Amino acid sequence: MQQQKYKLLVADDHRLFIEGIRHILQDEVYLDVCGTALNGKEAIEQCRHGAYDIVLMDVNMPLIDGIEATKEIKMVCKEVKIIIVSMLDNPSMVGKALKAGADAYVLKNSGPEDLIHAFKAVIKNITYITPSLAHLFGDAVNSDKSKTAYIRFSESIITERERQILKLISEGLTDGQIAETLFLSDRTVNTHRKNMLAKLKVPNTAALVKFAFDNKLI
């Protein structure tokens, strides 16, 4: 029985990267590099006029960046799988990519095997994040591995000041004690607490502390 071949579009503004991808994938018989694009606009046009199964998309490209291109492609080709490749190693960018419609996020400084794992995952409809980056999301998110879980966590990223306040909350300090410790007003501490409740979408302080511990925010 002949193995299914998945048609791949590689979108990156560096030709050497594209050729490198061709070399990496030459032994992956289930993948066929059928097209290339040097900017986001080309990637969108290629997907509109070509029947691609997977797009390997760089983030930083001319004319239209990879995130915007991902949004556009998903609007016209919902079934196509999109793997974002980037040098940006922060959860907020991962969340932004997944929210745009990406199915995987791979760091450019990862090894070839990481990219292969991403291809195999998206083919099985599994969200994939580079392991060296995925650990930043915490065990609760990584055991779920759904886009929703990753996006929710990325949107919950707290500021350093909020992290300081959250740590003191977890130690049982009152707003007044936290304000004195951090040289803030009681009102400022209370505002930060309310902002974190809204940002993390949790109902009360106890749930806030639990979420922080479960996701290793403190």
N, C-alpha and C. Protein backbone atom coordinates (compact mmCIF):
# COMPACT_ATOMS: atom_id res chain seq x y z
N MET A 1 0.85 -1.20 0.00
CA MET A 1 0.00 0.00 0.00
C MET A 1 0.89 1.25 0.00
N GLN A 2 0.61 2.15 -0.91
CA GLN A 2 1.43 3.35 -1.06
C GLN A 2 1.16 4.34 0.08
N GLN A 3 2.25 4.87 0.66
CA GLN A 3 2.11 5.81 1.77
C GLN A 3 1.63 7.16 1.26
N GLN A 4 0.74 7.80 2.02
CA GLN A 4 0.24 9.11 1.63
C GLN A 4 1.36 10.14 1.67
N LYS A 5 1.38 11.00 0.68
CA LYS A 5 2.35 12.09 0.64
C LYS A 5 1.64 13.39 0.97
N TYR A 6 2.26 14.16 1.86
CA TYR A 6 1.70 15.45 2.24
C TYR A 6 2.46 16.56 1.52
N LYS A 7 1.69 17.42 0.84
CA LYS A 7 2.30 18.50 0.07
C LYS A 7 2.68 19.66 0.99
N LEU A 8 3.94 20.06 0.91
CA LEU A 8 4.49 21.06 1.83
C LEU A 8 4.90 22.33 1.11
N LEU A 9 4.51 23.47 1.70
CA LEU A 9 4.97 24.78 1.25
C LEU A 9 5.94 25.33 2.30
N VAL A 10 7.13 25.74 1.88
CA VAL A 10 8.10 26.32 2.81
C VAL A 10 8.16 27.82 2.57
N ALA A 11 7.80 28.60 3.60
CA ALA A 11 7.78 30.06 3.48
C ALA A 11 8.84 30.67 4.38
N ASP A 12 9.88 31.22 3.76
CA ASP A 12 10.98 31.85 4.49
C ASP A 12 11.70 32.78 3.53
N ASP A 13 12.18 33.91 4.04
CA ASP A 13 12.83 34.87 3.14
C ASP A 13 14.31 34.59 2.95
N HIS A 14 14.80 33.46 3.44
CA HIS A 14 16.19 33.06 3.22
C HIS A 14 16.24 31.78 2.39
N ARG A 15 16.77 31.89 1.20
CA ARG A 15 16.82 30.72 0.30
C ARG A 15 17.66 29.59 0.89
N LEU A 16 18.71 29.94 1.63
CA LEU A 16 19.55 28.91 2.23
C LEU A 16 18.76 28.08 3.24
N PHE A 17 17.86 28.74 3.98
CA PHE A 17 17.02 28.02 4.93
C PHE A 17 16.11 27.05 4.19
N ILE A 18 15.52 27.52 3.09
CA ILE A 18 14.63 26.66 2.31
C ILE A 18 15.37 25.43 1.80
N GLU A 19 16.58 25.65 1.28
CA GLU A 19 17.37 24.52 0.78
C GLU A 19 17.76 23.59 1.93
N GLY A 20 18.02 24.18 3.09
CA GLY A 20 18.33 23.35 4.26
C GLY A 20 17.16 22.46 4.64
N ILE A 21 15.95 22.99 4.54
CA ILE A 21 14.75 22.21 4.84
C ILE A 21 14.60 21.07 3.83
N ARG A 22 14.84 21.37 2.58
CA ARG A 22 14.79 20.31 1.55
C ARG A 22 15.73 19.17 1.91
N HIS A 23 16.93 19.53 2.35
CA HIS A 23 17.93 18.52 2.71
C HIS A 23 17.49 17.71 3.92
N ILE A 24 16.96 18.39 4.93
CA ILE A 24 16.51 17.71 6.15
C ILE A 24 15.39 16.72 5.85
N LEU A 25 14.51 17.09 4.92
CA LEU A 25 13.32 16.28 4.66
C LEU A 25 13.48 15.26 3.54
N GLN A 26 14.67 15.17 2.97
CA GLN A 26 14.83 14.30 1.81
C GLN A 26 14.55 12.82 2.10
N ASP A 27 14.73 12.42 3.36
CA ASP A 27 14.48 11.01 3.72
C ASP A 27 13.08 10.79 4.28
N GLU A 28 12.32 11.87 4.42
CA GLU A 28 10.95 11.75 4.94
C GLU A 28 10.01 11.56 3.75
N VAL A 29 9.79 10.31 3.39
CA VAL A 29 9.09 9.99 2.15
C VAL A 29 7.63 10.43 2.15
N TYR A 30 7.08 10.71 3.32
CA TYR A 30 5.68 11.12 3.40
C TYR A 30 5.50 12.62 3.16
N LEU A 31 6.63 13.36 3.04
CA LEU A 31 6.57 14.80 2.81
C LEU A 31 7.14 15.15 1.44
N ASP A 32 6.47 16.05 0.76
CA ASP A 32 6.92 16.47 -0.57
C ASP A 32 6.91 18.00 -0.64
N VAL A 33 8.11 18.60 -0.70
CA VAL A 33 8.21 20.06 -0.80
C VAL A 33 7.77 20.47 -2.20
N CYS A 34 6.54 20.95 -2.30
CA CYS A 34 5.96 21.27 -3.62
C CYS A 34 6.03 22.74 -3.96
N GLY A 35 6.33 23.59 -2.95
CA GLY A 35 6.36 25.01 -3.23
C GLY A 35 7.15 25.78 -2.19
N THR A 36 7.57 26.97 -2.59
CA THR A 36 8.30 27.85 -1.67
C THR A 36 7.76 29.27 -1.81
N ALA A 37 7.94 30.06 -0.74
CA ALA A 37 7.53 31.46 -0.76
C ALA A 37 8.57 32.26 0.00
N LEU A 38 8.91 33.46 -0.50
CA LEU A 38 9.94 34.28 0.12
C LEU A 38 9.37 35.40 0.99
N ASN A 39 8.05 35.47 1.08
CA ASN A 39 7.41 36.44 1.97
C ASN A 39 5.99 35.97 2.28
N GLY A 40 5.36 36.62 3.25
CA GLY A 40 4.04 36.21 3.67
C GLY A 40 2.98 36.34 2.60
N LYS A 41 3.10 37.38 1.78
CA LYS A 41 2.13 37.58 0.71
C LYS A 41 2.17 36.44 -0.30
N GLU A 42 3.39 36.01 -0.65
CA GLU A 42 3.54 34.88 -1.57
C GLU A 42 2.95 33.61 -0.97
N ALA A 43 3.17 33.42 0.33
CA ALA A 43 2.66 32.22 1.00
C ALA A 43 1.13 32.17 0.92
N ILE A 44 0.49 33.31 1.15
CA ILE A 44 -0.98 33.37 1.07
C ILE A 44 -1.46 33.05 -0.34
N GLU A 45 -0.83 33.66 -1.34
CA GLU A 45 -1.22 33.43 -2.73
C GLU A 45 -1.01 31.98 -3.13
N GLN A 46 0.11 31.41 -2.70
CA GLN A 46 0.39 30.00 -3.03
C GLN A 46 -0.70 29.09 -2.46
N CYS A 47 -1.11 29.37 -1.22
CA CYS A 47 -2.13 28.52 -0.59
C CYS A 47 -3.50 28.69 -1.24
N ARG A 48 -3.76 29.89 -1.72
CA ARG A 48 -5.04 30.14 -2.39
C ARG A 48 -5.15 29.37 -3.70
N HIS A 49 -4.01 29.19 -4.36
CA HIS A 49 -4.03 28.58 -5.70
C HIS A 49 -3.43 27.17 -5.74
N GLY A 50 -2.93 26.70 -4.61
CA GLY A 50 -2.33 25.36 -4.57
C GLY A 50 -2.91 24.54 -3.44
N ALA A 51 -3.01 23.24 -3.65
CA ALA A 51 -3.59 22.35 -2.64
C ALA A 51 -2.49 21.83 -1.71
N TYR A 52 -2.09 22.64 -0.75
CA TYR A 52 -1.04 22.23 0.20
C TYR A 52 -1.68 21.62 1.45
N ASP A 53 -0.95 20.69 2.04
CA ASP A 53 -1.40 20.06 3.28
C ASP A 53 -0.76 20.71 4.50
N ILE A 54 0.50 21.14 4.34
CA ILE A 54 1.26 21.71 5.45
C ILE A 54 2.04 22.92 4.95
N VAL A 55 2.12 23.96 5.80
CA VAL A 55 2.96 25.11 5.51
C VAL A 55 3.97 25.25 6.65
N LEU A 56 5.24 25.36 6.28
CA LEU A 56 6.30 25.66 7.25
C LEU A 56 6.55 27.16 7.13
N MET A 57 6.20 27.91 8.17
CA MET A 57 6.12 29.36 8.07
C MET A 57 7.09 30.07 9.02
N ASP A 58 7.97 30.89 8.45
CA ASP A 58 8.84 31.75 9.27
C ASP A 58 8.00 32.90 9.82
N VAL A 59 8.39 33.44 10.98
CA VAL A 59 7.65 34.57 11.56
C VAL A 59 8.04 35.87 10.90
N ASN A 60 9.33 36.15 10.84
CA ASN A 60 9.80 37.44 10.33
C ASN A 60 10.05 37.38 8.82
N MET A 61 9.09 37.90 8.06
CA MET A 61 9.21 37.93 6.61
C MET A 61 8.74 39.27 6.08
N PRO A 62 9.20 39.64 4.88
CA PRO A 62 8.78 40.92 4.28
C PRO A 62 7.31 40.93 3.88
N LEU A 63 6.79 42.13 3.66
CA LEU A 63 5.44 42.38 3.17
C LEU A 63 4.36 42.00 4.17
N ILE A 64 4.26 40.72 4.48
CA ILE A 64 3.32 40.25 5.50
C ILE A 64 4.07 39.24 6.37
N ASP A 65 4.04 39.45 7.69
CA ASP A 65 4.78 38.52 8.55
C ASP A 65 4.05 37.19 8.68
N GLY A 66 4.75 36.22 9.28
CA GLY A 66 4.22 34.86 9.36
C GLY A 66 2.95 34.73 10.17
N ILE A 67 2.78 35.55 11.20
CA ILE A 67 1.57 35.47 12.02
C ILE A 67 0.36 35.93 11.22
N GLU A 68 0.48 37.07 10.54
CA GLU A 68 -0.63 37.57 9.73
C GLU A 68 -0.92 36.65 8.56
N ALA A 69 0.15 36.11 7.97
CA ALA A 69 -0.04 35.18 6.85
C ALA A 69 -0.78 33.93 7.32
N THR A 70 -0.46 33.47 8.52
CA THR A 70 -1.14 32.30 9.09
C THR A 70 -2.63 32.57 9.23
N LYS A 71 -2.99 33.74 9.74
CA LYS A 71 -4.40 34.11 9.87
C LYS A 71 -5.11 34.07 8.52
N GLU A 72 -4.46 34.67 7.52
CA GLU A 72 -5.08 34.75 6.19
C GLU A 72 -5.25 33.35 5.58
N ILE A 73 -4.22 32.53 5.72
CA ILE A 73 -4.27 31.19 5.14
C ILE A 73 -5.36 30.36 5.79
N LYS A 74 -5.47 30.45 7.10
CA LYS A 74 -6.47 29.66 7.82
C LYS A 74 -7.90 30.09 7.46
N MET A 75 -8.05 31.34 7.04
CA MET A 75 -9.38 31.82 6.64
C MET A 75 -9.84 31.18 5.34
N VAL A 76 -8.89 30.90 4.45
CA VAL A 76 -9.27 30.36 3.14
C VAL A 76 -8.97 28.86 3.02
N CYS A 77 -8.08 28.36 3.86
CA CYS A 77 -7.70 26.94 3.81
C CYS A 77 -7.67 26.39 5.24
N LYS A 78 -8.82 26.15 5.81
CA LYS A 78 -8.90 25.76 7.21
C LYS A 78 -8.18 24.44 7.52
N GLU A 79 -8.13 23.56 6.54
CA GLU A 79 -7.58 22.23 6.79
C GLU A 79 -6.05 22.19 6.75
N VAL A 80 -5.43 23.20 6.17
CA VAL A 80 -3.97 23.18 6.05
C VAL A 80 -3.35 23.30 7.44
N LYS A 81 -2.29 22.52 7.68
CA LYS A 81 -1.57 22.59 8.94
C LYS A 81 -0.42 23.58 8.80
N ILE A 82 -0.23 24.42 9.81
CA ILE A 82 0.83 25.43 9.75
C ILE A 82 1.78 25.27 10.91
N ILE A 83 3.06 25.11 10.57
CA ILE A 83 4.12 25.00 11.57
C ILE A 83 4.91 26.30 11.54
N ILE A 84 4.89 27.02 12.64
CA ILE A 84 5.65 28.27 12.74
C ILE A 84 7.08 27.95 13.16
N VAL A 85 8.06 28.56 12.48
CA VAL A 85 9.46 28.45 12.89
C VAL A 85 9.96 29.85 13.24
N SER A 86 10.63 29.96 14.38
CA SER A 86 11.02 31.28 14.86
C SER A 86 12.21 31.19 15.79
N MET A 87 12.90 32.32 15.95
CA MET A 87 13.97 32.43 16.93
C MET A 87 13.43 32.94 18.27
N LEU A 88 12.16 33.36 18.30
CA LEU A 88 11.57 33.95 19.49
C LEU A 88 11.11 32.86 20.45
N ASP A 89 11.76 32.80 21.61
CA ASP A 89 11.50 31.69 22.54
C ASP A 89 10.75 32.15 23.78
N ASN A 90 9.58 32.73 23.58
CA ASN A 90 8.77 33.14 24.73
C ASN A 90 7.33 32.66 24.55
N PRO A 91 6.68 32.29 25.66
CA PRO A 91 5.32 31.75 25.60
C PRO A 91 4.31 32.70 24.96
N SER A 92 4.49 34.00 25.14
CA SER A 92 3.51 34.93 24.58
C SER A 92 3.50 34.87 23.06
N MET A 93 4.68 34.70 22.44
CA MET A 93 4.72 34.57 20.98
C MET A 93 4.11 33.26 20.52
N VAL A 94 4.33 32.20 21.29
CA VAL A 94 3.70 30.92 20.97
C VAL A 94 2.18 31.07 20.98
N GLY A 95 1.67 31.71 22.04
CA GLY A 95 0.23 31.92 22.13
C GLY A 95 -0.31 32.74 20.98
N LYS A 96 0.44 33.75 20.58
CA LYS A 96 0.03 34.60 19.47
C LYS A 96 -0.04 33.79 18.17
N ALA A 97 0.95 32.91 17.97
CA ALA A 97 0.98 32.07 16.77
C ALA A 97 -0.18 31.09 16.76
N LEU A 98 -0.42 30.43 17.89
CA LEU A 98 -1.50 29.46 17.97
C LEU A 98 -2.87 30.13 17.82
N LYS A 99 -3.00 31.31 18.39
CA LYS A 99 -4.26 32.04 18.28
C LYS A 99 -4.53 32.44 16.82
N ALA A 100 -3.46 32.67 16.07
CA ALA A 100 -3.59 33.01 14.65
C ALA A 100 -4.00 31.80 13.82
N GLY A 101 -3.82 30.60 14.41
CA GLY A 101 -4.21 29.39 13.69
C GLY A 101 -3.11 28.37 13.51
N ALA A 102 -1.88 28.68 13.95
CA ALA A 102 -0.77 27.74 13.81
C ALA A 102 -1.04 26.46 14.58
N ASP A 103 -0.48 25.36 14.10
CA ASP A 103 -0.66 24.04 14.73
C ASP A 103 0.58 23.59 15.47
N ALA A 104 1.70 24.26 15.23
CA ALA A 104 2.94 23.90 15.91
C ALA A 104 3.87 25.11 15.93
N TYR A 105 4.80 25.10 16.88
CA TYR A 105 5.75 26.20 17.01
C TYR A 105 7.11 25.57 17.29
N VAL A 106 8.04 25.79 16.36
CA VAL A 106 9.38 25.18 16.46
C VAL A 106 10.44 26.27 16.45
N LEU A 107 11.38 26.16 17.37
CA LEU A 107 12.48 27.13 17.41
C LEU A 107 13.49 26.83 16.31
N LYS A 108 13.99 27.87 15.67
CA LYS A 108 14.93 27.69 14.57
C LYS A 108 16.26 27.10 15.02
N ASN A 109 16.59 27.26 16.29
CA ASN A 109 17.86 26.71 16.76
C ASN A 109 17.71 25.28 17.28
N SER A 110 16.54 24.67 17.04
CA SER A 110 16.33 23.27 17.41
C SER A 110 17.01 22.36 16.39
N GLY A 111 17.15 21.10 16.75
CA GLY A 111 17.73 20.14 15.83
C GLY A 111 16.71 19.66 14.81
N PRO A 112 17.16 19.04 13.73
CA PRO A 112 16.25 18.54 12.68
C PRO A 112 15.19 17.59 13.22
N GLU A 113 15.56 16.79 14.24
CA GLU A 113 14.60 15.82 14.78
C GLU A 113 13.38 16.52 15.40
N ASP A 114 13.60 17.73 15.91
CA ASP A 114 12.49 18.48 16.49
C ASP A 114 11.48 18.85 15.41
N LEU A 115 11.97 19.26 14.28
CA LEU A 115 11.10 19.62 13.16
C LEU A 115 10.33 18.39 12.66
N ILE A 116 11.02 17.25 12.60
CA ILE A 116 10.37 16.01 12.17
C ILE A 116 9.23 15.65 13.13
N HIS A 117 9.49 15.80 14.42
CA HIS A 117 8.44 15.52 15.42
C HIS A 117 7.24 16.44 15.20
N ALA A 118 7.51 17.70 14.84
CA ALA A 118 6.42 18.65 14.60
C ALA A 118 5.56 18.21 13.42
N PHE A 119 6.20 17.78 12.33
CA PHE A 119 5.45 17.32 11.16
C PHE A 119 4.58 16.12 11.51
N LYS A 120 5.15 15.17 12.22
CA LYS A 120 4.40 13.96 12.58
C LYS A 120 3.24 14.27 13.52
N ALA A 121 3.44 15.27 14.38
CA ALA A 121 2.38 15.65 15.33
C ALA A 121 1.21 16.30 14.61
N VAL A 122 1.49 17.30 13.76
CA VAL A 122 0.38 18.02 13.12
C VAL A 122 -0.40 17.13 12.17
N ILE A 123 0.27 16.16 11.58
CA ILE A 123 -0.42 15.21 10.71
C ILE A 123 -1.46 14.43 11.52
N LYS A 124 -1.15 14.21 12.81
CA LYS A 124 -2.08 13.49 13.71
C LYS A 124 -3.00 14.45 14.47
N ASN A 125 -3.01 15.72 14.05
CA ASN A 125 -3.85 16.74 14.69
C ASN A 125 -3.47 17.00 16.14
N ILE A 126 -2.17 16.90 16.43
CA ILE A 126 -1.65 17.18 17.77
C ILE A 126 -0.89 18.49 17.75
N THR A 127 -1.18 19.37 18.70
CA THR A 127 -0.45 20.63 18.82
C THR A 127 0.95 20.33 19.32
N TYR A 128 1.96 20.91 18.64
CA TYR A 128 3.35 20.61 19.01
C TYR A 128 4.11 21.90 19.31
N ILE A 129 4.83 21.89 20.44
CA ILE A 129 5.71 23.00 20.83
C ILE A 129 7.09 22.44 21.09
N THR A 130 8.13 23.10 20.59
CA THR A 130 9.51 22.69 20.86
C THR A 130 9.68 22.40 22.36
N PRO A 131 10.18 21.21 22.71
CA PRO A 131 10.30 20.84 24.13
C PRO A 131 11.05 21.85 25.00
N SER A 132 12.12 22.44 24.46
CA SER A 132 12.90 23.41 25.25
C SER A 132 12.09 24.66 25.57
N LEU A 133 11.01 24.88 24.83
CA LEU A 133 10.11 26.01 25.06
C LEU A 133 8.86 25.56 25.80
N ALA A 134 8.41 24.36 25.51
CA ALA A 134 7.18 23.84 26.11
C ALA A 134 7.27 23.78 27.63
N HIS A 135 8.46 23.52 28.16
CA HIS A 135 8.58 23.37 29.62
C HIS A 135 8.22 24.67 30.36
N LEU A 136 8.30 25.80 29.66
CA LEU A 136 7.96 27.08 30.27
C LEU A 136 6.46 27.20 30.55
N PHE A 137 5.67 26.34 29.92
CA PHE A 137 4.23 26.39 30.10
C PHE A 137 3.76 25.63 31.34
N GLY A 138 4.61 24.80 31.91
CA GLY A 138 4.21 24.07 33.11
C GLY A 138 3.57 22.74 32.78
N ASP A 139 3.57 21.84 33.77
CA ASP A 139 3.08 20.48 33.59
C ASP A 139 1.59 20.43 33.25
N ALA A 140 0.80 21.31 33.88
CA ALA A 140 -0.65 21.28 33.65
C ALA A 140 -0.99 21.53 32.19
N VAL A 141 -0.31 22.50 31.58
CA VAL A 141 -0.57 22.82 30.18
C VAL A 141 -0.04 21.73 29.26
N ASN A 142 1.15 21.24 29.54
CA ASN A 142 1.77 20.24 28.67
C ASN A 142 1.09 18.89 28.73
N SER A 143 0.38 18.60 29.83
CA SER A 143 -0.36 17.34 29.90
C SER A 143 -1.65 17.46 29.08
N ASP A 144 -2.13 18.69 28.91
CA ASP A 144 -3.32 18.94 28.10
C ASP A 144 -2.97 18.96 26.60
N LYS A 145 -1.96 19.75 26.26
CA LYS A 145 -1.45 19.87 24.89
C LYS A 145 -2.49 20.38 23.88
N SER A 146 -3.50 21.07 24.37
CA SER A 146 -4.49 21.65 23.46
C SER A 146 -4.11 23.09 23.15
N LYS A 147 -4.56 23.58 22.00
CA LYS A 147 -4.30 24.97 21.65
C LYS A 147 -4.87 25.90 22.72
N THR A 148 -6.06 25.55 23.19
CA THR A 148 -6.73 26.40 24.18
C THR A 148 -5.89 26.55 25.43
N ALA A 149 -5.29 25.44 25.89
CA ALA A 149 -4.48 25.48 27.11
C ALA A 149 -3.24 26.34 26.91
N TYR A 150 -2.58 26.17 25.78
CA TYR A 150 -1.37 26.96 25.50
C TYR A 150 -1.71 28.45 25.36
N ILE A 151 -2.80 28.74 24.66
CA ILE A 151 -3.19 30.14 24.46
C ILE A 151 -3.57 30.78 25.78
N ARG A 152 -4.33 30.06 26.59
CA ARG A 152 -4.75 30.61 27.86
C ARG A 152 -3.55 30.95 28.74
N PHE A 153 -2.58 30.03 28.76
CA PHE A 153 -1.39 30.27 29.59
C PHE A 153 -0.62 31.48 29.05
N SER A 154 -0.45 31.54 27.75
CA SER A 154 0.32 32.64 27.16
C SER A 154 -0.31 33.99 27.46
N GLU A 155 -1.65 34.02 27.51
CA GLU A 155 -2.35 35.26 27.80
C GLU A 155 -2.33 35.60 29.28
N SER A 156 -1.91 34.61 30.07
CA SER A 156 -1.89 34.83 31.52
C SER A 156 -0.52 35.26 32.03
N ILE A 157 0.44 35.43 31.11
CA ILE A 157 1.78 35.80 31.54
C ILE A 157 1.72 37.08 32.36
N ILE A 158 2.28 37.00 33.55
CA ILE A 158 2.21 38.14 34.45
C ILE A 158 3.52 38.93 34.44
N THR A 159 3.43 40.18 34.85
CA THR A 159 4.61 41.04 34.90
C THR A 159 5.46 40.69 36.11
N GLU A 160 6.68 41.20 36.13
CA GLU A 160 7.58 40.93 37.25
C GLU A 160 7.01 41.47 38.55
N ARG A 161 6.41 42.66 38.51
CA ARG A 161 5.80 43.24 39.71
C ARG A 161 4.63 42.37 40.19
N GLU A 162 3.81 41.91 39.24
CA GLU A 162 2.70 41.03 39.60
C GLU A 162 3.21 39.72 40.21
N ARG A 163 4.32 39.22 39.65
CA ARG A 163 4.91 37.99 40.18
C ARG A 163 5.37 38.19 41.63
N GLN A 164 5.99 39.35 41.91
CA GLN A 164 6.42 39.64 43.28
C GLN A 164 5.23 39.67 44.24
N ILE A 165 4.17 40.34 43.81
CA ILE A 165 2.97 40.44 44.65
C ILE A 165 2.32 39.07 44.83
N LEU A 166 2.27 38.30 43.76
CA LEU A 166 1.67 36.97 43.82
C LEU A 166 2.42 36.06 44.78
N LYS A 167 3.74 36.16 44.77
CA LYS A 167 4.55 35.35 45.69
C LYS A 167 4.23 35.71 47.14
N LEU A 168 4.11 36.99 47.42
CA LEU A 168 3.80 37.43 48.79
C LEU A 168 2.37 37.05 49.19
N ILE A 169 1.45 37.08 48.23
CA ILE A 169 0.09 36.62 48.49
C ILE A 169 0.11 35.15 48.89
N SER A 170 0.91 34.37 48.14
CA SER A 170 0.98 32.93 48.42
C SER A 170 1.59 32.64 49.79
N GLU A 171 2.36 33.60 50.32
CA GLU A 171 2.96 33.45 51.64
C GLU A 171 2.03 33.93 52.75
N GLY A 172 0.83 34.39 52.36
CA GLY A 172 -0.18 34.76 53.33
C GLY A 172 -0.18 36.20 53.77
N LEU A 173 0.57 37.05 53.09
CA LEU A 173 0.61 38.47 53.48
C LEU A 173 -0.66 39.18 53.02
N THR A 174 -1.07 40.17 53.82
CA THR A 174 -2.22 41.00 53.46
C THR A 174 -1.77 42.06 52.45
N ASP A 175 -2.75 42.76 51.85
CA ASP A 175 -2.42 43.84 50.93
C ASP A 175 -1.56 44.90 51.62
N GLY A 176 -1.91 45.20 52.87
CA GLY A 176 -1.15 46.20 53.60
C GLY A 176 0.29 45.79 53.83
N GLN A 177 0.49 44.52 54.18
CA GLN A 177 1.85 44.01 54.42
C GLN A 177 2.65 43.97 53.12
N ILE A 178 1.98 43.59 52.03
CA ILE A 178 2.65 43.56 50.72
C ILE A 178 3.04 44.98 50.31
N ALA A 179 2.14 45.91 50.52
CA ALA A 179 2.41 47.32 50.17
C ALA A 179 3.62 47.83 50.93
N GLU A 180 3.69 47.49 52.22
CA GLU A 180 4.83 47.94 53.03
C GLU A 180 6.12 47.29 52.57
N THR A 181 6.07 46.02 52.22
CA THR A 181 7.26 45.28 51.78
C THR A 181 7.81 45.83 50.47
N LEU A 182 6.90 46.15 49.55
CA LEU A 182 7.31 46.58 48.21
C LEU A 182 7.28 48.10 48.02
N PHE A 183 7.01 48.82 49.10
CA PHE A 183 6.96 50.29 49.06
C PHE A 183 5.92 50.77 48.05
N LEU A 184 4.72 50.17 48.14
CA LEU A 184 3.59 50.54 47.29
C LEU A 184 2.43 50.98 48.17
N SER A 185 1.40 51.52 47.55
CA SER A 185 0.19 51.84 48.30
C SER A 185 -0.71 50.60 48.35
N ASP A 186 -1.58 50.54 49.36
CA ASP A 186 -2.53 49.43 49.45
C ASP A 186 -3.38 49.34 48.18
N ARG A 187 -3.76 50.51 47.68
CA ARG A 187 -4.61 50.56 46.49
C ARG A 187 -3.91 49.95 45.27
N THR A 188 -2.61 50.23 45.14
CA THR A 188 -1.84 49.68 44.00
C THR A 188 -1.77 48.17 44.09
N VAL A 189 -1.52 47.65 45.28
CA VAL A 189 -1.46 46.19 45.46
C VAL A 189 -2.81 45.56 45.13
N ASN A 190 -3.88 46.18 45.59
CA ASN A 190 -5.22 45.66 45.32
C ASN A 190 -5.54 45.68 43.83
N THR A 191 -5.09 46.73 43.15
CA THR A 191 -5.30 46.82 41.69
C THR A 191 -4.56 45.71 40.96
N HIS A 192 -3.32 45.45 41.39
CA HIS A 192 -2.54 44.35 40.78
C HIS A 192 -3.24 43.01 41.01
N ARG A 193 -3.78 42.81 42.21
CA ARG A 193 -4.47 41.57 42.51
C ARG A 193 -5.68 41.39 41.57
N LYS A 194 -6.47 42.44 41.42
CA LYS A 194 -7.65 42.38 40.56
C LYS A 194 -7.27 42.14 39.10
N ASN A 195 -6.17 42.78 38.67
CA ASN A 195 -5.70 42.59 37.29
C ASN A 195 -5.30 41.14 37.03
N MET A 196 -4.65 40.54 38.03
CA MET A 196 -4.23 39.14 37.88
C MET A 196 -5.44 38.21 37.85
N LEU A 197 -6.44 38.47 38.67
CA LEU A 197 -7.66 37.66 38.66
C LEU A 197 -8.32 37.71 37.28
N ALA A 198 -8.37 38.90 36.70
CA ALA A 198 -8.99 39.06 35.38
C ALA A 198 -8.14 38.41 34.29
N LYS A 199 -6.83 38.62 34.38
CA LYS A 199 -5.91 38.11 33.36
C LYS A 199 -5.88 36.58 33.34
N LEU A 200 -5.88 36.00 34.54
CA LEU A 200 -5.79 34.54 34.65
C LEU A 200 -7.16 33.87 34.59
N LYS A 201 -8.22 34.71 34.60
CA LYS A 201 -9.59 34.20 34.53
C LYS A 201 -9.89 33.22 35.67
N VAL A 202 -9.51 33.61 36.88
CA VAL A 202 -9.81 32.81 38.07
C VAL A 202 -10.72 33.62 38.99
N PRO A 203 -11.58 32.95 39.80
CA PRO A 203 -12.62 33.66 40.54
C PRO A 203 -12.19 34.34 41.83
N ASN A 204 -11.11 33.85 42.45
CA ASN A 204 -10.73 34.41 43.76
C ASN A 204 -9.24 34.21 44.02
N THR A 205 -8.78 34.73 45.16
CA THR A 205 -7.35 34.69 45.48
C THR A 205 -6.84 33.27 45.66
N ALA A 206 -7.66 32.40 46.27
CA ALA A 206 -7.24 31.01 46.46
C ALA A 206 -6.99 30.32 45.11
N ALA A 207 -7.90 30.56 44.15
CA ALA A 207 -7.75 29.98 42.81
C ALA A 207 -6.55 30.59 42.10
N LEU A 208 -6.29 31.87 42.37
CA LEU A 208 -5.14 32.55 41.78
C LEU A 208 -3.84 31.90 42.23
N VAL A 209 -3.72 31.65 43.53
CA VAL A 209 -2.51 31.01 44.08
C VAL A 209 -2.36 29.59 43.54
N LYS A 210 -3.47 28.85 43.48
CA LYS A 210 -3.42 27.47 42.96
C LYS A 210 -2.95 27.45 41.51
N PHE A 211 -3.52 28.36 40.69
CA PHE A 211 -3.12 28.44 39.28
C PHE A 211 -1.62 28.76 39.16
N ALA A 212 -1.15 29.65 40.01
CA ALA A 212 0.25 30.06 39.98
C ALA A 212 1.17 28.88 40.28
N PHE A 213 0.79 28.10 41.28
CA PHE A 213 1.62 26.93 41.65
C PHE A 213 1.53 25.84 40.59
N ASP A 214 0.31 25.58 40.08
CA ASP A 214 0.13 24.53 39.08
C ASP A 214 0.92 24.82 37.81
N ASN A 215 1.02 26.10 37.46
CA ASN A 215 1.70 26.48 36.23
C ASN A 215 3.07 27.10 36.45
N LYS A 216 3.56 26.95 37.66
CA LYS A 216 4.93 27.37 38.02
C LYS A 216 5.19 28.85 37.70
N LEU A 217 4.20 29.68 38.02
CA LEU A 217 4.39 31.11 37.84
C LEU A 217 5.19 31.73 38.97
N ILE A 218 5.24 31.03 40.10
CA ILE A 218 6.02 31.50 41.24
C ILE A 218 6.83 30.34 41.81
